[in-house]
Amino acid sequence: MTDAEWVVVQPLLPVPGWMQSKGRQPEAYCHRAMLDAIGYLLDNGIKWRAMPADFPPWDRVYAFSAVGAIAA
């Protein structure tokens, strides 16, 4: 994802709970890395478990997409 694309997408993502003083633990991976991983998955048609090591672990990326950060 380019910096120009990120500037457009970032405001559309939900604010993490820990930044809203809800007492949650900070997220281990940034949203940009998660979106890059999902883009790679869609672009290359790979399976979740075949996610390259350059990206966050596949189960974290899956959970990010399933929670509704991009599905909603």
PDB file of N, CA and C in Angstrom:
ATOM      1  N   MET A   1       0.849  -1.158   0.000  1.00  0.00           N
ATOM      2  CA  MET A   1       0.000   0.000   0.000  1.00  0.00           C
ATOM      3  C   MET A   1       0.908   1.239   0.000  1.00  0.00           C
ATOM      4  N   THR A   2       0.610   2.137  -0.881  1.00  0.00           N
ATOM      5  CA  THR A   2       1.420   3.348  -0.949  1.00  0.00           C
ATOM      6  C   THR A   2       1.025   4.307   0.170  1.00  0.00           C
ATOM      7  N   ASP A   3       1.874   5.295   0.401  1.00  0.00           N
ATOM      8  CA  ASP A   3       1.560   6.293   1.430  1.00  0.00           C
ATOM      9  C   ASP A   3       0.299   7.069   1.073  1.00  0.00           C
ATOM     10  N   ALA A   4       0.100   7.342  -0.195  1.00  0.00           N
ATOM     11  CA  ALA A   4      -1.093   8.072  -0.629  1.00  0.00           C
ATOM     12  C   ALA A   4      -2.361   7.251  -0.374  1.00  0.00           C
ATOM     13  N   GLU A   5      -2.303   5.951  -0.633  1.00  0.00           N
ATOM     14  CA  GLU A   5      -3.447   5.078  -0.363  1.00  0.00           C
ATOM     15  C   GLU A   5      -3.712   4.992   1.136  1.00  0.00           C
ATOM     16  N   TRP A   6      -2.657   4.914   1.930  1.00  0.00           N
ATOM     17  CA  TRP A   6      -2.800   4.814   3.374  1.00  0.00           C
ATOM     18  C   TRP A   6      -3.468   6.050   3.953  1.00  0.00           C
ATOM     19  N   VAL A   7      -3.150   7.224   3.424  1.00  0.00           N
ATOM     20  CA  VAL A   7      -3.756   8.472   3.909  1.00  0.00           C
ATOM     21  C   VAL A   7      -5.266   8.439   3.704  1.00  0.00           C
ATOM     22  N   VAL A   8      -5.715   7.813   2.634  1.00  0.00           N
ATOM     23  CA  VAL A   8      -7.148   7.724   2.349  1.00  0.00           C
ATOM     24  C   VAL A   8      -7.822   6.664   3.223  1.00  0.00           C
ATOM     25  N   VAL A   9      -7.163   5.533   3.415  1.00  0.00           N
ATOM     26  CA  VAL A   9      -7.763   4.389   4.114  1.00  0.00           C
ATOM     27  C   VAL A   9      -7.736   4.534   5.630  1.00  0.00           C
ATOM     28  N   GLN A  10      -6.686   5.088   6.179  1.00  0.00           N
ATOM     29  CA  GLN A  10      -6.508   5.123   7.635  1.00  0.00           C
ATOM     30  C   GLN A  10      -7.699   5.719   8.395  1.00  0.00           C
ATOM     31  N   PRO A  11      -8.264   6.847   7.959  1.00  0.00           N
ATOM     32  CA  PRO A  11      -9.402   7.393   8.724  1.00  0.00           C
ATOM     33  C   PRO A  11     -10.650   6.505   8.703  1.00  0.00           C
ATOM     34  N   LEU A  12     -10.721   5.568   7.776  1.00  0.00           N
ATOM     35  CA  LEU A  12     -11.891   4.696   7.669  1.00  0.00           C
ATOM     36  C   LEU A  12     -11.837   3.503   8.627  1.00  0.00           C
ATOM     37  N   LEU A  13     -10.663   3.228   9.181  1.00  0.00           N
ATOM     38  CA  LEU A  13     -10.502   2.093  10.093  1.00  0.00           C
ATOM     39  C   LEU A  13     -10.930   2.473  11.507  1.00  0.00           C
ATOM     40  N   PRO A  14     -11.422   1.498  12.269  1.00  0.00           N
ATOM     41  CA  PRO A  14     -11.822   1.803  13.643  1.00  0.00           C
ATOM     42  C   PRO A  14     -10.611   2.143  14.510  1.00  0.00           C
ATOM     43  N   VAL A  15     -10.816   2.999  15.482  1.00  0.00           N
ATOM     44  CA  VAL A  15      -9.758   3.366  16.423  1.00  0.00           C
ATOM     45  C   VAL A  15      -9.602   2.224  17.422  1.00  0.00           C
ATOM     46  N   PRO A  16      -8.369   1.759  17.650  1.00  0.00           N
ATOM     47  CA  PRO A  16      -8.161   0.668  18.618  1.00  0.00           C
ATOM     48  C   PRO A  16      -8.692   1.034  20.007  1.00  0.00           C
ATOM     49  N   GLY A  17      -9.183   0.029  20.726  1.00  0.00           N
ATOM     50  CA  GLY A  17      -9.773   0.244  22.048  1.00  0.00           C
ATOM     51  C   GLY A  17      -8.826   0.887  23.043  1.00  0.00           C
ATOM     52  N   TRP A  18      -7.540   0.523  22.985  1.00  0.00           N
ATOM     53  CA  TRP A  18      -6.586   1.080  23.949  1.00  0.00           C
ATOM     54  C   TRP A  18      -6.366   2.565  23.727  1.00  0.00           C
ATOM     55  N   MET A  19      -6.635   3.055  22.526  1.00  0.00           N
ATOM     56  CA  MET A  19      -6.486   4.489  22.265  1.00  0.00           C
ATOM     57  C   MET A  19      -7.719   5.263  22.711  1.00  0.00           C
ATOM     58  N   GLN A  20      -8.812   4.548  22.988  1.00  0.00           N
ATOM     59  CA  GLN A  20     -10.048   5.169  23.451  1.00  0.00           C
ATOM     60  C   GLN A  20     -10.191   5.060  24.961  1.00  0.00           C
ATOM     61  N   SER A  21      -9.119   4.729  25.655  1.00  0.00           N
ATOM     62  CA  SER A  21      -9.103   4.579  27.115  1.00  0.00           C
ATOM     63  C   SER A  21     -10.102   3.531  27.599  1.00  0.00           C
ATOM     64  N   LYS A  22     -10.192   2.440  26.858  1.00  0.00           N
ATOM     65  CA  LYS A  22     -11.080   1.351  27.265  1.00  0.00           C
ATOM     66  C   LYS A  22     -10.307   0.263  28.002  1.00  0.00           C
ATOM     67  N   GLY A  23      -9.038   0.516  28.297  1.00  0.00           N
ATOM     68  CA  GLY A  23      -8.251  -0.398  29.096  1.00  0.00           C
ATOM     69  C   GLY A  23      -7.779  -1.649  28.384  1.00  0.00           C
ATOM     70  N   ARG A  24      -7.874  -1.694  27.092  1.00  0.00           N
ATOM     71  CA  ARG A  24      -7.432  -2.882  26.360  1.00  0.00           C
ATOM     72  C   ARG A  24      -5.935  -2.823  26.092  1.00  0.00           C
ATOM     73  N   GLN A  25      -5.392  -3.977  25.765  1.00  0.00           N
ATOM     74  CA  GLN A  25      -3.969  -4.090  25.453  1.00  0.00           C
ATOM     75  C   GLN A  25      -3.720  -3.545  24.044  1.00  0.00           C
ATOM     76  N   PRO A  26      -2.597  -2.840  23.851  1.00  0.00           N
ATOM     77  CA  PRO A  26      -2.273  -2.361  22.498  1.00  0.00           C
ATOM     78  C   PRO A  26      -2.156  -3.520  21.512  1.00  0.00           C
ATOM     79  N   GLU A  27      -2.522  -3.259  20.285  1.00  0.00           N
ATOM     80  CA  GLU A  27      -2.455  -4.284  19.253  1.00  0.00           C
ATOM     81  C   GLU A  27      -0.998  -4.575  18.914  1.00  0.00           C
ATOM     82  N   ALA A  28      -0.722  -5.808  18.575  1.00  0.00           N
ATOM     83  CA  ALA A  28       0.652  -6.229  18.295  1.00  0.00           C
ATOM     84  C   ALA A  28       1.100  -5.853  16.888  1.00  0.00           C
ATOM     85  N   TYR A  29       0.158  -5.660  15.970  1.00  0.00           N
ATOM     86  CA  TYR A  29       0.495  -5.367  14.582  1.00  0.00           C
ATOM     87  C   TYR A  29      -0.301  -4.155  14.108  1.00  0.00           C
ATOM     88  N   CYS A  30       0.327  -3.317  13.322  1.00  0.00           N
ATOM     89  CA  CYS A  30      -0.353  -2.110  12.847  1.00  0.00           C
ATOM     90  C   CYS A  30      -1.368  -2.469  11.757  1.00  0.00           C
ATOM     91  N   HIS A  31      -2.361  -1.624  11.631  1.00  0.00           N
ATOM     92  CA  HIS A  31      -3.422  -1.856  10.645  1.00  0.00           C
ATOM     93  C   HIS A  31      -2.872  -1.886   9.228  1.00  0.00           C
ATOM     94  N   ARG A  32      -1.873  -1.082   8.965  1.00  0.00           N
ATOM     95  CA  ARG A  32      -1.314  -1.041   7.614  1.00  0.00           C
ATOM     96  C   ARG A  32      -0.701  -2.392   7.239  1.00  0.00           C
ATOM     97  N   ALA A  33       0.014  -3.018   8.154  1.00  0.00           N
ATOM     98  CA  ALA A  33       0.589  -4.334   7.888  1.00  0.00           C
ATOM     99  C   ALA A  33      -0.510  -5.371   7.663  1.00  0.00           C
ATOM    100  N   MET A  34      -1.591  -5.256   8.411  1.00  0.00           N
ATOM    101  CA  MET A  34      -2.710  -6.179   8.248  1.00  0.00           C
ATOM    102  C   MET A  34      -3.352  -6.017   6.868  1.00  0.00           C
ATOM    103  N   LEU A  35      -3.570  -4.782   6.466  1.00  0.00           N
ATOM    104  CA  LEU A  35      -4.176  -4.537   5.157  1.00  0.00           C
ATOM    105  C   LEU A  35      -3.252  -4.968   4.025  1.00  0.00           C
ATOM    106  N   ASP A  36      -1.960  -4.765   4.190  1.00  0.00           N
ATOM    107  CA  ASP A  36      -1.004  -5.235   3.189  1.00  0.00           C
ATOM    108  C   ASP A  36      -1.074  -6.757   3.057  1.00  0.00           C
ATOM    109  N   ALA A  37      -1.191  -7.447   4.177  1.00  0.00           N
ATOM    110  CA  ALA A  37      -1.277  -8.910   4.157  1.00  0.00           C
ATOM    111  C   ALA A  37      -2.555  -9.375   3.466  1.00  0.00           C
ATOM    112  N   ILE A  38      -3.666  -8.711   3.748  1.00  0.00           N
ATOM    113  CA  ILE A  38      -4.931  -9.075   3.111  1.00  0.00           C
ATOM    114  C   ILE A  38      -4.868  -8.801   1.613  1.00  0.00           C
ATOM    115  N   GLY A  39      -4.268  -7.675   1.249  1.00  0.00           N
ATOM    116  CA  GLY A  39      -4.087  -7.370  -0.178  1.00  0.00           C
ATOM    117  C   GLY A  39      -3.240  -8.412  -0.874  1.00  0.00           C
ATOM    118  N   TYR A  40      -2.191  -8.870  -0.220  1.00  0.00           N
ATOM    119  CA  TYR A  40      -1.339  -9.923  -0.779  1.00  0.00           C
ATOM    120  C   TYR A  40      -2.125 -11.214  -0.958  1.00  0.00           C
ATOM    121  N   LEU A  41      -2.905 -11.541   0.039  1.00  0.00           N
ATOM    122  CA  LEU A  41      -3.726 -12.750  -0.010  1.00  0.00           C
ATOM    123  C   LEU A  41      -4.686 -12.704  -1.199  1.00  0.00           C
ATOM    124  N   LEU A  42      -5.370 -11.594  -1.369  1.00  0.00           N
ATOM    125  CA  LEU A  42      -6.343 -11.459  -2.452  1.00  0.00           C
ATOM    126  C   LEU A  42      -5.673 -11.394  -3.820  1.00  0.00           C
ATOM    127  N   ASP A  43      -4.542 -10.699  -3.888  1.00  0.00           N
ATOM    128  CA  ASP A  43      -3.851 -10.526  -5.163  1.00  0.00           C
ATOM    129  C   ASP A  43      -3.250 -11.835  -5.669  1.00  0.00           C
ATOM    130  N   ASN A  44      -2.722 -12.642  -4.765  1.00  0.00           N
ATOM    131  CA  ASN A  44      -2.031 -13.866  -5.163  1.00  0.00           C
ATOM    132  C   ASN A  44      -2.864 -15.126  -5.023  1.00  0.00           C
ATOM    133  N   GLY A  45      -4.031 -15.015  -4.419  1.00  0.00           N
ATOM    134  CA  GLY A  45      -4.919 -16.162  -4.304  1.00  0.00           C
ATOM    135  C   GLY A  45      -4.359 -17.290  -3.453  1.00  0.00           C
ATOM    136  N   ILE A  46      -3.604 -16.944  -2.420  1.00  0.00           N
ATOM    137  CA  ILE A  46      -3.022 -17.971  -1.556  1.00  0.00           C
ATOM    138  C   ILE A  46      -3.987 -18.348  -0.445  1.00  0.00           C
ATOM    139  N   LYS A  47      -3.663 -19.418   0.251  1.00  0.00           N
ATOM    140  CA  LYS A  47      -4.449 -19.816   1.420  1.00  0.00           C
ATOM    141  C   LYS A  47      -3.938 -19.043   2.626  1.00  0.00           C
ATOM    142  N   TRP A  48      -4.787 -18.895   3.631  1.00  0.00           N
ATOM    143  CA  TRP A  48      -4.412 -18.141   4.830  1.00  0.00           C
ATOM    144  C   TRP A  48      -3.111 -18.653   5.431  1.00  0.00           C
ATOM    145  N   ARG A  49      -2.995 -19.956   5.542  1.00  0.00           N
ATOM    146  CA  ARG A  49      -1.816 -20.542   6.197  1.00  0.00           C
ATOM    147  C   ARG A  49      -0.552 -20.437   5.359  1.00  0.00           C
ATOM    148  N   ALA A  50      -0.673 -20.018   4.108  1.00  0.00           N
ATOM    149  CA  ALA A  50       0.491 -19.868   3.234  1.00  0.00           C
ATOM    150  C   ALA A  50       1.011 -18.429   3.223  1.00  0.00           C
ATOM    151  N   MET A  51       0.568 -17.633   4.179  1.00  0.00           N
ATOM    152  CA  MET A  51       1.001 -16.231   4.258  1.00  0.00           C
ATOM    153  C   MET A  51       2.511 -16.171   4.496  1.00  0.00           C
ATOM    154  N   PRO A  52       3.244 -15.403   3.682  1.00  0.00           N
ATOM    155  CA  PRO A  52       4.698 -15.295   3.876  1.00  0.00           C
ATOM    156  C   PRO A  52       5.054 -14.717   5.250  1.00  0.00           C
ATOM    157  N   ALA A  53       6.248 -15.004   5.687  1.00  0.00           N
ATOM    158  CA  ALA A  53       6.719 -14.556   7.002  1.00  0.00           C
ATOM    159  C   ALA A  53       6.915 -13.043   7.067  1.00  0.00           C
ATOM    160  N   ASP A  54       6.884 -12.362   5.926  1.00  0.00           N
ATOM    161  CA  ASP A  54       7.031 -10.898   5.908  1.00  0.00           C
ATOM    162  C   ASP A  54       5.826 -10.191   6.529  1.00  0.00           C
ATOM    163  N   PHE A  55       4.723 -10.902   6.620  1.00  0.00           N
ATOM    164  CA  PHE A  55       3.484 -10.329   7.133  1.00  0.00           C
ATOM    165  C   PHE A  55       3.227 -10.837   8.553  1.00  0.00           C
ATOM    166  N   PRO A  56       2.264 -10.226   9.243  1.00  0.00           N
ATOM    167  CA  PRO A  56       1.879 -10.767  10.561  1.00  0.00           C
ATOM    168  C   PRO A  56       1.393 -12.212  10.404  1.00  0.00           C
ATOM    169  N   PRO A  57       1.357 -12.972  11.499  1.00  0.00           N
ATOM    170  CA  PRO A  57       0.890 -14.367  11.424  1.00  0.00           C
ATOM    171  C   PRO A  57      -0.510 -14.456  10.805  1.00  0.00           C
ATOM    172  N   TRP A  58      -0.728 -15.509  10.053  1.00  0.00           N
ATOM    173  CA  TRP A  58      -1.977 -15.649   9.307  1.00  0.00           C
ATOM    174  C   TRP A  58      -3.199 -15.602  10.208  1.00  0.00           C
ATOM    175  N   ASP A  59      -3.111 -16.178  11.410  1.00  0.00           N
ATOM    176  CA  ASP A  59      -4.291 -16.208  12.278  1.00  0.00           C
ATOM    177  C   ASP A  59      -4.649 -14.820  12.800  1.00  0.00           C
ATOM    178  N   ARG A  60      -3.663 -13.960  12.986  1.00  0.00           N
ATOM    179  CA  ARG A  60      -3.928 -12.584  13.412  1.00  0.00           C
ATOM    180  C   ARG A  60      -4.546 -11.782  12.275  1.00  0.00           C
ATOM    181  N   VAL A  61      -4.064 -12.013  11.054  1.00  0.00           N
ATOM    182  CA  VAL A  61      -4.624 -11.320   9.885  1.00  0.00           C
ATOM    183  C   VAL A  61      -6.063 -11.762   9.663  1.00  0.00           C
ATOM    184  N   TYR A  62      -6.298 -13.058   9.805  1.00  0.00           N
ATOM    185  CA  TYR A  62      -7.658 -13.589   9.657  1.00  0.00           C
ATOM    186  C   TYR A  62      -8.589 -12.990  10.700  1.00  0.00           C
ATOM    187  N   ALA A  63      -8.131 -12.949  11.943  1.00  0.00           N
ATOM    188  CA  ALA A  63      -8.955 -12.384  13.017  1.00  0.00           C
ATOM    189  C   ALA A  63      -9.244 -10.909  12.764  1.00  0.00           C
ATOM    190  N   PHE A  64      -8.263 -10.177  12.263  1.00  0.00           N
ATOM    191  CA  PHE A  64      -8.451  -8.759  11.947  1.00  0.00           C
ATOM    192  C   PHE A  64      -9.544  -8.590  10.898  1.00  0.00           C
ATOM    193  N   SER A  65      -9.528  -9.418   9.872  1.00  0.00           N
ATOM    194  CA  SER A  65     -10.538  -9.296   8.822  1.00  0.00           C
ATOM    195  C   SER A  65     -11.898  -9.805   9.293  1.00  0.00           C
ATOM    196  N   ALA A  66     -11.904 -10.830  10.130  1.00  0.00           N
ATOM    197  CA  ALA A  66     -13.166 -11.414  10.595  1.00  0.00           C
ATOM    198  C   ALA A  66     -13.867 -10.552  11.625  1.00  0.00           C
ATOM    199  N   VAL A  67     -13.137  -9.774  12.389  1.00  0.00           N
ATOM    200  CA  VAL A  67     -13.725  -8.925  13.424  1.00  0.00           C
ATOM    201  C   VAL A  67     -14.584  -7.842  12.805  1.00  0.00           C
ATOM    202  N   GLY A  68     -14.293  -7.480  11.581  1.00  0.00           N
ATOM    203  CA  GLY A  68     -15.091  -6.463  10.920  1.00  0.00           C
ATOM    204  C   GLY A  68     -14.319  -5.201  10.623  1.00  0.00           C
ATOM    205  N   ALA A  69     -13.039  -5.226  10.862  1.00  0.00           N
ATOM    206  CA  ALA A  69     -12.240  -4.041  10.574  1.00  0.00           C
ATOM    207  C   ALA A  69     -12.323  -3.702   9.100  1.00  0.00           C
ATOM    208  N   ILE A  70     -12.429  -4.718   8.252  1.00  0.00           N
ATOM    209  CA  ILE A  70     -12.611  -4.440   6.829  1.00  0.00           C
ATOM    210  C   ILE A  70     -13.898  -5.076   6.293  1.00  0.00           C
ATOM    211  N   ALA A  71     -14.447  -6.045   7.024  1.00  0.00           N
ATOM    212  CA  ALA A  71     -15.655  -6.739   6.549  1.00  0.00           C
ATOM    213  C   ALA A  71     -16.901  -5.870   6.713  1.00  0.00           C
ATOM    214  N   ALA A  72     -16.899  -4.976   7.682  1.00  0.00           N
ATOM    215  CA  ALA A  72     -18.075  -4.136   7.916  1.00  0.00           C
ATOM    216  C   ALA A  72     -17.993  -2.965   7.018  1.00  0.00           C
TER     217      ALA A  72
END
